[in-house]
Amino acid sequence: LFLMAALFIGVTMAFPNGLAGLVDSHLKPWWRRRQAQRAQQKAAL
């Protein structure tokens, strides 16, 4: 029960918008930057 409470408190404090907010704020921007870098390299070549 204490571990479940720690899981909930930790997730909500670290990611106020939940797991979906983590994906929107970190994973998707990283993926867009990577795709942009690949596009720039292809354009330069």
ModelCIF file with pLDDT and N, C-alpha, C, O atoms, coordinates in Angstrom:
data_MODEL
#
_entry.id   MODEL 
#
_entity.id                         1 
_entity.type                       polymer 
_entity.pdbx_number_of_molecules   1 
#
_entity_poly.entity_id                      1 
_entity_poly.type                           'polypeptide(L)' 
_entity_poly.nstd_linkage                   no 
_entity_poly.nstd_monomer                   no 
_entity_poly.pdbx_seq_one_letter_code       LFLMAALFIGVTMAFPNGLAGLVDSHLKPWWRRRQAQRAQQKAAL 
_entity_poly.pdbx_seq_one_letter_code_can   LFLMAALFIGVTMAFPNGLAGLVDSHLKPWWRRRQAQRAQQKAAL 
_entity_poly.pdbx_strand_id                 A 
#
loop_
_entity_poly_seq.entity_id 
_entity_poly_seq.num 
_entity_poly_seq.mon_id 
_entity_poly_seq.hetero 
1 1  LEU n 
1 2  PHE n 
1 3  LEU n 
1 4  MET n 
1 5  ALA n 
1 6  ALA n 
1 7  LEU n 
1 8  PHE n 
1 9  ILE n 
1 10 GLY n 
1 11 VAL n 
1 12 THR n 
1 13 MET n 
1 14 ALA n 
1 15 PHE n 
1 16 PRO n 
1 17 ASN n 
1 18 GLY n 
1 19 LEU n 
1 20 ALA n 
1 21 GLY n 
1 22 LEU n 
1 23 VAL n 
1 24 ASP n 
1 25 SER n 
1 26 HIS n 
1 27 LEU n 
1 28 LYS n 
1 29 PRO n 
1 30 TRP n 
1 31 TRP n 
1 32 ARG n 
1 33 ARG n 
1 34 ARG n 
1 35 GLN n 
1 36 ALA n 
1 37 GLN n 
1 38 ARG n 
1 39 ALA n 
1 40 GLN n 
1 41 GLN n 
1 42 LYS n 
1 43 ALA n 
1 44 ALA n 
1 45 LEU n 
#
_struct_asym.id          A 
_struct_asym.entity_id   1 
#
loop_
_ma_qa_metric.id 
_ma_qa_metric.mode 
_ma_qa_metric.name 
_ma_qa_metric.software_group_id 
_ma_qa_metric.type 
1 global pLDDT . pLDDT 
2 local  pLDDT . pLDDT 
#
_ma_qa_metric_global.metric_id      1 
_ma_qa_metric_global.metric_value   71.20 
_ma_qa_metric_global.model_id       1 
_ma_qa_metric_global.ordinal_id     1 
#
loop_
_ma_qa_metric_local.label_asym_id 
_ma_qa_metric_local.label_comp_id 
_ma_qa_metric_local.label_seq_id 
_ma_qa_metric_local.metric_id 
_ma_qa_metric_local.metric_value 
_ma_qa_metric_local.model_id 
_ma_qa_metric_local.ordinal_id 
A LEU 1  2 73.00 1 1  
A PHE 2  2 78.00 1 2  
A LEU 3  2 74.00 1 3  
A MET 4  2 71.00 1 4  
A ALA 5  2 74.00 1 5  
A ALA 6  2 78.00 1 6  
A LEU 7  2 72.00 1 7  
A PHE 8  2 72.00 1 8  
A ILE 9  2 77.00 1 9  
A GLY 10 2 75.00 1 10 
A VAL 11 2 71.00 1 11 
A THR 12 2 69.00 1 12 
A MET 13 2 75.00 1 13 
A ALA 14 2 72.00 1 14 
A PHE 15 2 70.00 1 15 
A PRO 16 2 67.00 1 16 
A ASN 17 2 71.00 1 17 
A GLY 18 2 69.00 1 18 
A LEU 19 2 74.00 1 19 
A ALA 20 2 69.00 1 20 
A GLY 21 2 61.00 1 21 
A LEU 22 2 66.00 1 22 
A VAL 23 2 64.00 1 23 
A ASP 24 2 62.00 1 24 
A SER 25 2 62.00 1 25 
A HIS 26 2 60.00 1 26 
A LEU 27 2 63.00 1 27 
A LYS 28 2 63.00 1 28 
A PRO 29 2 68.00 1 29 
A TRP 30 2 64.00 1 30 
A TRP 31 2 63.00 1 31 
A ARG 32 2 71.00 1 32 
A ARG 33 2 73.00 1 33 
A ARG 34 2 73.00 1 34 
A GLN 35 2 75.00 1 35 
A ALA 36 2 75.00 1 36 
A GLN 37 2 76.00 1 37 
A ARG 38 2 78.00 1 38 
A ALA 39 2 77.00 1 39 
A GLN 40 2 78.00 1 40 
A GLN 41 2 77.00 1 41 
A LYS 42 2 78.00 1 42 
A ALA 43 2 75.00 1 43 
A ALA 44 2 75.00 1 44 
A LEU 45 2 76.00 1 45 
#
loop_
_atom_site.group_PDB 
_atom_site.id 
_atom_site.type_symbol 
_atom_site.label_atom_id 
_atom_site.label_alt_id 
_atom_site.label_comp_id 
_atom_site.label_asym_id 
_atom_site.label_entity_id 
_atom_site.label_seq_id 
_atom_site.pdbx_PDB_ins_code 
_atom_site.Cartn_x 
_atom_site.Cartn_y 
_atom_site.Cartn_z 
_atom_site.occupancy 
_atom_site.B_iso_or_equiv 
_atom_site.pdbx_formal_charge 
_atom_site.auth_seq_id 
_atom_site.auth_comp_id 
_atom_site.auth_asym_id 
_atom_site.auth_atom_id 
_atom_site.pdbx_PDB_model_num 
ATOM 1   N N  . LEU A 1 1  ? 0.825  -1.208 0.000   1.00 73.00 ? 1  LEU A N  1 
ATOM 2   C CA . LEU A 1 1  ? 0.000  0.000  0.000   1.00 73.00 ? 1  LEU A CA 1 
ATOM 3   C C  . LEU A 1 1  ? 0.857  1.254  0.000   1.00 73.00 ? 1  LEU A C  1 
ATOM 4   O O  . LEU A 1 1  ? 0.538  2.226  -0.685  1.00 73.00 ? 1  LEU A O  1 
ATOM 5   N N  . PHE A 1 2  ? 1.940  1.239  0.761   1.00 78.00 ? 2  PHE A N  1 
ATOM 6   C CA . PHE A 1 2  ? 2.837  2.390  0.788   1.00 78.00 ? 2  PHE A CA 1 
ATOM 7   C C  . PHE A 1 2  ? 3.553  2.556  -0.553  1.00 78.00 ? 2  PHE A C  1 
ATOM 8   O O  . PHE A 1 2  ? 3.755  3.677  -1.019  1.00 78.00 ? 2  PHE A O  1 
ATOM 9   N N  . LEU A 1 3  ? 3.932  1.443  -1.167  1.00 74.00 ? 3  LEU A N  1 
ATOM 10  C CA . LEU A 1 3  ? 4.603  1.519  -2.464  1.00 74.00 ? 3  LEU A CA 1 
ATOM 11  C C  . LEU A 1 3  ? 3.647  2.034  -3.539  1.00 74.00 ? 3  LEU A C  1 
ATOM 12  O O  . LEU A 1 3  ? 4.056  2.793  -4.417  1.00 74.00 ? 3  LEU A O  1 
ATOM 13  N N  . MET A 1 4  ? 2.392  1.632  -3.479  1.00 71.00 ? 4  MET A N  1 
ATOM 14  C CA . MET A 1 4  ? 1.422  2.149  -4.437  1.00 71.00 ? 4  MET A CA 1 
ATOM 15  C C  . MET A 1 4  ? 1.214  3.639  -4.249  1.00 71.00 ? 4  MET A C  1 
ATOM 16  O O  . MET A 1 4  ? 1.111  4.381  -5.226  1.00 71.00 ? 4  MET A O  1 
ATOM 17  N N  . ALA A 1 5  ? 1.152  4.086  -2.995  1.00 74.00 ? 5  ALA A N  1 
ATOM 18  C CA . ALA A 1 5  ? 1.014  5.520  -2.732  1.00 74.00 ? 5  ALA A CA 1 
ATOM 19  C C  . ALA A 1 5  ? 2.229  6.275  -3.244  1.00 74.00 ? 5  ALA A C  1 
ATOM 20  O O  . ALA A 1 5  ? 2.089  7.355  -3.817  1.00 74.00 ? 5  ALA A O  1 
ATOM 21  N N  . ALA A 1 6  ? 3.428  5.717  -3.045  1.00 78.00 ? 6  ALA A N  1 
ATOM 22  C CA . ALA A 1 6  ? 4.647  6.367  -3.537  1.00 78.00 ? 6  ALA A CA 1 
ATOM 23  C C  . ALA A 1 6  ? 4.648  6.442  -5.058  1.00 78.00 ? 6  ALA A C  1 
ATOM 24  O O  . ALA A 1 6  ? 5.080  7.442  -5.631  1.00 78.00 ? 6  ALA A O  1 
ATOM 25  N N  . LEU A 1 7  ? 4.163  5.379  -5.718  1.00 72.00 ? 7  LEU A N  1 
ATOM 26  C CA . LEU A 1 7  ? 4.089  5.393  -7.181  1.00 72.00 ? 7  LEU A CA 1 
ATOM 27  C C  . LEU A 1 7  ? 3.175  6.501  -7.665  1.00 72.00 ? 7  LEU A C  1 
ATOM 28  O O  . LEU A 1 7  ? 3.528  7.244  -8.581  1.00 72.00 ? 7  LEU A O  1 
ATOM 29  N N  . PHE A 1 8  ? 2.002  6.619  -7.058  1.00 72.00 ? 8  PHE A N  1 
ATOM 30  C CA . PHE A 1 8  ? 1.053  7.642  -7.489  1.00 72.00 ? 8  PHE A CA 1 
ATOM 31  C C  . PHE A 1 8  ? 1.591  9.038  -7.221  1.00 72.00 ? 8  PHE A C  1 
ATOM 32  O O  . PHE A 1 8  ? 1.536  9.901  -8.098  1.00 72.00 ? 8  PHE A O  1 
ATOM 33  N N  . ILE A 1 9  ? 2.109  9.271  -6.022  1.00 77.00 ? 9  ILE A N  1 
ATOM 34  C CA . ILE A 1 9  ? 2.619  10.601 -5.673  1.00 77.00 ? 9  ILE A CA 1 
ATOM 35  C C  . ILE A 1 9  ? 3.815  10.963 -6.548  1.00 77.00 ? 9  ILE A C  1 
ATOM 36  O O  . ILE A 1 9  ? 3.933  12.098 -7.011  1.00 77.00 ? 9  ILE A O  1 
ATOM 37  N N  . GLY A 1 10 ? 4.701  9.993  -6.771  1.00 75.00 ? 10 GLY A N  1 
ATOM 38  C CA . GLY A 1 10 ? 5.881  10.275 -7.585  1.00 75.00 ? 10 GLY A CA 1 
ATOM 39  C C  . GLY A 1 10 ? 5.529  10.626 -9.016  1.00 75.00 ? 10 GLY A C  1 
ATOM 40  O O  . GLY A 1 10 ? 6.084  11.567 -9.583  1.00 75.00 ? 10 GLY A O  1 
ATOM 41  N N  . VAL A 1 11 ? 4.600  9.867  -9.607  1.00 71.00 ? 11 VAL A N  1 
ATOM 42  C CA . VAL A 1 11 ? 4.227  10.134 -11.004 1.00 71.00 ? 11 VAL A CA 1 
ATOM 43  C C  . VAL A 1 11 ? 3.530  11.478 -11.137 1.00 71.00 ? 11 VAL A C  1 
ATOM 44  O O  . VAL A 1 11 ? 3.838  12.251 -12.044 1.00 71.00 ? 11 VAL A O  1 
ATOM 45  N N  . THR A 1 12 ? 2.593  11.760 -10.237 1.00 69.00 ? 12 THR A N  1 
ATOM 46  C CA . THR A 1 12 ? 1.847  13.015 -10.348 1.00 69.00 ? 12 THR A CA 1 
ATOM 47  C C  . THR A 1 12 ? 2.715  14.241 -10.049 1.00 69.00 ? 12 THR A C  1 
ATOM 48  O O  . THR A 1 12 ? 2.482  15.310 -10.612 1.00 69.00 ? 12 THR A O  1 
ATOM 49  N N  . MET A 1 13 ? 3.712  14.098 -9.172  1.00 75.00 ? 13 MET A N  1 
ATOM 50  C CA . MET A 1 13 ? 4.594  15.235 -8.888  1.00 75.00 ? 13 MET A CA 1 
ATOM 51  C C  . MET A 1 13 ? 5.603  15.446 -10.004 1.00 75.00 ? 13 MET A C  1 
ATOM 52  O O  . MET A 1 13 ? 5.873  16.582 -10.393 1.00 75.00 ? 13 MET A O  1 
ATOM 53  N N  . ALA A 1 14 ? 6.166  14.350 -10.527 1.00 72.00 ? 14 ALA A N  1 
ATOM 54  C CA . ALA A 1 14 ? 7.164  14.475 -11.590 1.00 72.00 ? 14 ALA A CA 1 
ATOM 55  C C  . ALA A 1 14 ? 6.520  14.806 -12.933 1.00 72.00 ? 14 ALA A C  1 
ATOM 56  O O  . ALA A 1 14 ? 7.077  15.572 -13.719 1.00 72.00 ? 14 ALA A O  1 
ATOM 57  N N  . PHE A 1 15 ? 5.348  14.230 -13.196 1.00 70.00 ? 15 PHE A N  1 
ATOM 58  C CA . PHE A 1 15 ? 4.658  14.439 -14.469 1.00 70.00 ? 15 PHE A CA 1 
ATOM 59  C C  . PHE A 1 15 ? 3.213  14.838 -14.179 1.00 70.00 ? 15 PHE A C  1 
ATOM 60  O O  . PHE A 1 15 ? 2.335  13.976 -14.140 1.00 70.00 ? 15 PHE A O  1 
ATOM 61  N N  . PRO A 1 16 ? 2.954  16.120 -13.975 1.00 67.00 ? 16 PRO A N  1 
ATOM 62  C CA . PRO A 1 16 ? 1.590  16.557 -13.607 1.00 67.00 ? 16 PRO A CA 1 
ATOM 63  C C  . PRO A 1 16 ? 0.534  16.180 -14.642 1.00 67.00 ? 16 PRO A C  1 
ATOM 64  O O  . PRO A 1 16 ? -0.634 15.998 -14.298 1.00 67.00 ? 16 PRO A O  1 
ATOM 65  N N  . ASN A 1 17 ? 0.935  16.061 -15.899 1.00 71.00 ? 17 ASN A N  1 
ATOM 66  C CA . ASN A 1 17 ? -0.017 15.703 -16.952 1.00 71.00 ? 17 ASN A CA 1 
ATOM 67  C C  . ASN A 1 17 ? -0.028 14.214 -17.242 1.00 71.00 ? 17 ASN A C  1 
ATOM 68  O O  . ASN A 1 17 ? -0.576 13.789 -18.259 1.00 71.00 ? 17 ASN A O  1 
ATOM 69  N N  . GLY A 1 18 ? 0.573  13.406 -16.357 1.00 69.00 ? 18 GLY A N  1 
ATOM 70  C CA . GLY A 1 18 ? 0.556  11.966 -16.519 1.00 69.00 ? 18 GLY A CA 1 
ATOM 71  C C  . GLY A 1 18 ? 1.564  11.469 -17.538 1.00 69.00 ? 18 GLY A C  1 
ATOM 72  O O  . GLY A 1 18 ? 2.405  12.222 -18.028 1.00 69.00 ? 18 GLY A O  1 
ATOM 73  N N  . LEU A 1 19 ? 1.460  10.189 -17.843 1.00 74.00 ? 19 LEU A N  1 
ATOM 74  C CA . LEU A 1 19 ? 2.379  9.584  -18.804 1.00 74.00 ? 19 LEU A CA 1 
ATOM 75  C C  . LEU A 1 19 ? 2.211  10.191 -20.192 1.00 74.00 ? 19 LEU A C  1 
ATOM 76  O O  . LEU A 1 19 ? 3.190  10.356 -20.921 1.00 74.00 ? 19 LEU A O  1 
ATOM 77  N N  . ALA A 1 20 ? 0.992  10.521 -20.556 1.00 69.00 ? 20 ALA A N  1 
ATOM 78  C CA . ALA A 1 20 ? 0.773  11.153 -21.861 1.00 69.00 ? 20 ALA A CA 1 
ATOM 79  C C  . ALA A 1 20 ? 1.452  12.512 -21.937 1.00 69.00 ? 20 ALA A C  1 
ATOM 80  O O  . ALA A 1 20 ? 1.972  12.885 -22.988 1.00 69.00 ? 20 ALA A O  1 
ATOM 81  N N  . GLY A 1 21 ? 1.453  13.263 -20.826 1.00 61.00 ? 21 GLY A N  1 
ATOM 82  C CA . GLY A 1 21 ? 2.156  14.539 -20.806 1.00 61.00 ? 21 GLY A CA 1 
ATOM 83  C C  . GLY A 1 21 ? 3.654  14.364 -20.953 1.00 61.00 ? 21 GLY A C  1 
ATOM 84  O O  . GLY A 1 21 ? 4.322  15.190 -21.574 1.00 61.00 ? 21 GLY A O  1 
ATOM 85  N N  . LEU A 1 22 ? 4.194  13.272 -20.375 1.00 66.00 ? 22 LEU A N  1 
ATOM 86  C CA . LEU A 1 22 ? 5.624  12.978 -20.540 1.00 66.00 ? 22 LEU A CA 1 
ATOM 87  C C  . LEU A 1 22 ? 5.956  12.716 -21.997 1.00 66.00 ? 22 LEU A C  1 
ATOM 88  O O  . LEU A 1 22 ? 6.985  13.179 -22.489 1.00 66.00 ? 22 LEU A O  1 
ATOM 89  N N  . VAL A 1 23 ? 5.115  11.993 -22.683 1.00 64.00 ? 23 VAL A N  1 
ATOM 90  C CA . VAL A 1 23 ? 5.345  11.717 -24.102 1.00 64.00 ? 23 VAL A CA 1 
ATOM 91  C C  . VAL A 1 23 ? 5.283  13.010 -24.915 1.00 64.00 ? 23 VAL A C  1 
ATOM 92  O O  . VAL A 1 23 ? 6.115  13.231 -25.795 1.00 64.00 ? 23 VAL A O  1 
ATOM 93  N N  . ASP A 1 24 ? 4.296  13.866 -24.622 1.00 62.00 ? 24 ASP A N  1 
ATOM 94  C CA . ASP A 1 24 ? 4.140  15.105 -25.385 1.00 62.00 ? 24 ASP A CA 1 
ATOM 95  C C  . ASP A 1 24 ? 5.276  16.097 -25.123 1.00 62.00 ? 24 ASP A C  1 
ATOM 96  O O  . ASP A 1 24 ? 5.697  16.817 -26.029 1.00 62.00 ? 24 ASP A O  1 
ATOM 97  N N  . SER A 1 25 ? 5.768  16.131 -23.881 1.00 62.00 ? 25 SER A N  1 
ATOM 98  C CA . SER A 1 25 ? 6.774  17.146 -23.528 1.00 62.00 ? 25 SER A CA 1 
ATOM 99  C C  . SER A 1 25 ? 8.209  16.710 -23.793 1.00 62.00 ? 25 SER A C  1 
ATOM 100 O O  . SER A 1 25 ? 9.084  17.561 -23.952 1.00 62.00 ? 25 SER A O  1 
ATOM 101 N N  . HIS A 1 26 ? 8.477  15.395 -23.846 1.00 60.00 ? 26 HIS A N  1 
ATOM 102 C CA . HIS A 1 26 ? 9.859  14.939 -23.992 1.00 60.00 ? 26 HIS A CA 1 
ATOM 103 C C  . HIS A 1 26 ? 10.060 14.037 -25.208 1.00 60.00 ? 26 HIS A C  1 
ATOM 104 O O  . HIS A 1 26 ? 10.936 14.295 -26.034 1.00 60.00 ? 26 HIS A O  1 
ATOM 105 N N  . LEU A 1 27 ? 9.259  12.990 -25.318 1.00 63.00 ? 27 LEU A N  1 
ATOM 106 C CA . LEU A 1 27 ? 9.504  12.014 -26.371 1.00 63.00 ? 27 LEU A CA 1 
ATOM 107 C C  . LEU A 1 27 ? 9.216  12.572 -27.761 1.00 63.00 ? 27 LEU A C  1 
ATOM 108 O O  . LEU A 1 27 ? 10.033 12.423 -28.669 1.00 63.00 ? 27 LEU A O  1 
ATOM 109 N N  . LYS A 1 28 ? 8.068  13.207 -27.931 1.00 63.00 ? 28 LYS A N  1 
ATOM 110 C CA . LYS A 1 28 ? 7.723  13.725 -29.254 1.00 63.00 ? 28 LYS A CA 1 
ATOM 111 C C  . LYS A 1 28 ? 8.671  14.834 -29.721 1.00 63.00 ? 28 LYS A C  1 
ATOM 112 O O  . LYS A 1 28 ? 9.082  14.802 -30.881 1.00 63.00 ? 28 LYS A O  1 
ATOM 113 N N  . PRO A 1 29 ? 9.051  15.837 -28.867 1.00 68.00 ? 29 PRO A N  1 
ATOM 114 C CA . PRO A 1 29 ? 10.039 16.823 -29.321 1.00 68.00 ? 29 PRO A CA 1 
ATOM 115 C C  . PRO A 1 29 ? 11.376 16.191 -29.708 1.00 68.00 ? 29 PRO A C  1 
ATOM 116 O O  . PRO A 1 29 ? 11.999 16.604 -30.686 1.00 68.00 ? 29 PRO A O  1 
ATOM 117 N N  . TRP A 1 30 ? 11.820 15.184 -28.934 1.00 64.00 ? 30 TRP A N  1 
ATOM 118 C CA . TRP A 1 30 ? 13.076 14.507 -29.277 1.00 64.00 ? 30 TRP A CA 1 
ATOM 119 C C  . TRP A 1 30 ? 12.966 13.826 -30.640 1.00 64.00 ? 30 TRP A C  1 
ATOM 120 O O  . TRP A 1 30 ? 13.896 13.885 -31.444 1.00 64.00 ? 30 TRP A O  1 
ATOM 121 N N  . TRP A 1 31 ? 11.836 13.183 -30.895 1.00 63.00 ? 31 TRP A N  1 
ATOM 122 C CA . TRP A 1 31 ? 11.648 12.503 -32.173 1.00 63.00 ? 31 TRP A CA 1 
ATOM 123 C C  . TRP A 1 31 ? 11.597 13.515 -33.323 1.00 63.00 ? 31 TRP A C  1 
ATOM 124 O O  . TRP A 1 31 ? 12.139 13.261 -34.399 1.00 63.00 ? 31 TRP A O  1 
ATOM 125 N N  . ARG A 1 32 ? 10.945 14.661 -33.093 1.00 71.00 ? 32 ARG A N  1 
ATOM 126 C CA . ARG A 1 32 ? 10.881 15.673 -34.158 1.00 71.00 ? 32 ARG A CA 1 
ATOM 127 C C  . ARG A 1 32 ? 12.271 16.227 -34.453 1.00 71.00 ? 32 ARG A C  1 
ATOM 128 O O  . ARG A 1 32 ? 12.612 16.431 -35.618 1.00 71.00 ? 32 ARG A O  1 
ATOM 129 N N  . ARG A 1 33 ? 13.085 16.478 -33.417 1.00 73.00 ? 33 ARG A N  1 
ATOM 130 C CA . ARG A 1 33 ? 14.446 16.969 -33.642 1.00 73.00 ? 33 ARG A CA 1 
ATOM 131 C C  . ARG A 1 33 ? 15.273 15.946 -34.416 1.00 73.00 ? 33 ARG A C  1 
ATOM 132 O O  . ARG A 1 33 ? 16.044 16.308 -35.305 1.00 73.00 ? 33 ARG A O  1 
ATOM 133 N N  . ARG A 1 34 ? 15.115 14.707 -34.085 1.00 73.00 ? 34 ARG A N  1 
ATOM 134 C CA . ARG A 1 34 ? 15.872 13.669 -34.783 1.00 73.00 ? 34 ARG A CA 1 
ATOM 135 C C  . ARG A 1 34 ? 15.463 13.586 -36.241 1.00 73.00 ? 34 ARG A C  1 
ATOM 136 O O  . ARG A 1 34 ? 16.311 13.457 -37.124 1.00 73.00 ? 34 ARG A O  1 
ATOM 137 N N  . GLN A 1 35 ? 14.148 13.662 -36.496 1.00 75.00 ? 35 GLN A N  1 
ATOM 138 C CA . GLN A 1 35 ? 13.688 13.632 -37.882 1.00 75.00 ? 35 GLN A CA 1 
ATOM 139 C C  . GLN A 1 35 ? 14.168 14.854 -38.650 1.00 75.00 ? 35 GLN A C  1 
ATOM 140 O O  . GLN A 1 35 ? 14.519 14.746 -39.825 1.00 75.00 ? 35 GLN A O  1 
ATOM 141 N N  . ALA A 1 36 ? 14.188 16.033 -37.992 1.00 75.00 ? 36 ALA A N  1 
ATOM 142 C CA . ALA A 1 36 ? 14.672 17.242 -38.648 1.00 75.00 ? 36 ALA A CA 1 
ATOM 143 C C  . ALA A 1 36 ? 16.151 17.132 -38.979 1.00 75.00 ? 36 ALA A C  1 
ATOM 144 O O  . ALA A 1 36 ? 16.569 17.556 -40.057 1.00 75.00 ? 36 ALA A O  1 
ATOM 145 N N  . GLN A 1 37 ? 16.950 16.577 -38.083 1.00 76.00 ? 37 GLN A N  1 
ATOM 146 C CA . GLN A 1 37 ? 18.369 16.394 -38.353 1.00 76.00 ? 37 GLN A CA 1 
ATOM 147 C C  . GLN A 1 37 ? 18.601 15.456 -39.531 1.00 76.00 ? 37 GLN A C  1 
ATOM 148 O O  . GLN A 1 37 ? 19.462 15.712 -40.373 1.00 76.00 ? 37 GLN A O  1 
ATOM 149 N N  . ARG A 1 38 ? 17.842 14.383 -39.589 1.00 78.00 ? 38 ARG A N  1 
ATOM 150 C CA . ARG A 1 38 ? 17.973 13.474 -40.723 1.00 78.00 ? 38 ARG A CA 1 
ATOM 151 C C  . ARG A 1 38 ? 17.583 14.153 -42.023 1.00 78.00 ? 38 ARG A C  1 
ATOM 152 O O  . ARG A 1 38 ? 18.228 13.954 -43.053 1.00 78.00 ? 38 ARG A O  1 
ATOM 153 N N  . ALA A 1 39 ? 16.527 14.955 -41.976 1.00 77.00 ? 39 ALA A N  1 
ATOM 154 C CA . ALA A 1 39 ? 16.104 15.666 -43.196 1.00 77.00 ? 39 ALA A CA 1 
ATOM 155 C C  . ALA A 1 39 ? 17.174 16.653 -43.648 1.00 77.00 ? 39 ALA A C  1 
ATOM 156 O O  . ALA A 1 39 ? 17.434 16.777 -44.845 1.00 77.00 ? 39 ALA A O  1 
ATOM 157 N N  . GLN A 1 40 ? 17.806 17.364 -42.693 1.00 78.00 ? 40 GLN A N  1 
ATOM 158 C CA . GLN A 1 40 ? 18.874 18.300 -43.039 1.00 78.00 ? 40 GLN A CA 1 
ATOM 159 C C  . GLN A 1 40 ? 20.067 17.586 -43.657 1.00 78.00 ? 40 GLN A C  1 
ATOM 160 O O  . GLN A 1 40 ? 20.649 18.071 -44.628 1.00 78.00 ? 40 GLN A O  1 
ATOM 161 N N  . GLN A 1 41 ? 20.431 16.438 -43.100 1.00 77.00 ? 41 GLN A N  1 
ATOM 162 C CA . GLN A 1 41 ? 21.547 15.676 -43.658 1.00 77.00 ? 41 GLN A CA 1 
ATOM 163 C C  . GLN A 1 41 ? 21.257 15.200 -45.069 1.00 77.00 ? 41 GLN A C  1 
ATOM 164 O O  . GLN A 1 41 ? 22.123 15.260 -45.941 1.00 77.00 ? 41 GLN A O  1 
ATOM 165 N N  . LYS A 1 42 ? 20.031 14.725 -45.295 1.00 78.00 ? 42 LYS A N  1 
ATOM 166 C CA . LYS A 1 42 ? 19.668 14.294 -46.640 1.00 78.00 ? 42 LYS A CA 1 
ATOM 167 C C  . LYS A 1 42 ? 19.668 15.464 -47.613 1.00 78.00 ? 42 LYS A C  1 
ATOM 168 O O  . LYS A 1 42 ? 20.106 15.332 -48.756 1.00 78.00 ? 42 LYS A O  1 
ATOM 169 N N  . ALA A 1 43 ? 19.166 16.625 -47.146 1.00 75.00 ? 43 ALA A N  1 
ATOM 170 C CA . ALA A 1 43 ? 19.153 17.802 -48.021 1.00 75.00 ? 43 ALA A CA 1 
ATOM 171 C C  . ALA A 1 43 ? 20.565 18.247 -48.356 1.00 75.00 ? 43 ALA A C  1 
ATOM 172 O O  . ALA A 1 43 ? 20.834 18.638 -49.492 1.00 75.00 ? 43 ALA A O  1 
ATOM 173 N N  . ALA A 1 44 ? 21.485 18.194 -47.376 1.00 75.00 ? 44 ALA A N  1 
ATOM 174 C CA . ALA A 1 44 ? 22.873 18.591 -47.630 1.00 75.00 ? 44 ALA A CA 1 
ATOM 175 C C  . ALA A 1 44 ? 23.544 17.647 -48.618 1.00 75.00 ? 44 ALA A C  1 
ATOM 176 O O  . ALA A 1 44 ? 24.269 18.097 -49.505 1.00 75.00 ? 44 ALA A O  1 
ATOM 177 N N  . LEU A 1 45 ? 23.315 16.360 -48.478 1.00 76.00 ? 45 LEU A N  1 
ATOM 178 C CA . LEU A 1 45 ? 23.882 15.401 -49.416 1.00 76.00 ? 45 LEU A CA 1 
ATOM 179 C C  . LEU A 1 45 ? 23.313 15.588 -50.815 1.00 76.00 ? 45 LEU A C  1 
ATOM 180 O O  . LEU A 1 45 ? 23.683 14.859 -51.735 1.00 76.00 ? 45 LEU A O  1 
#
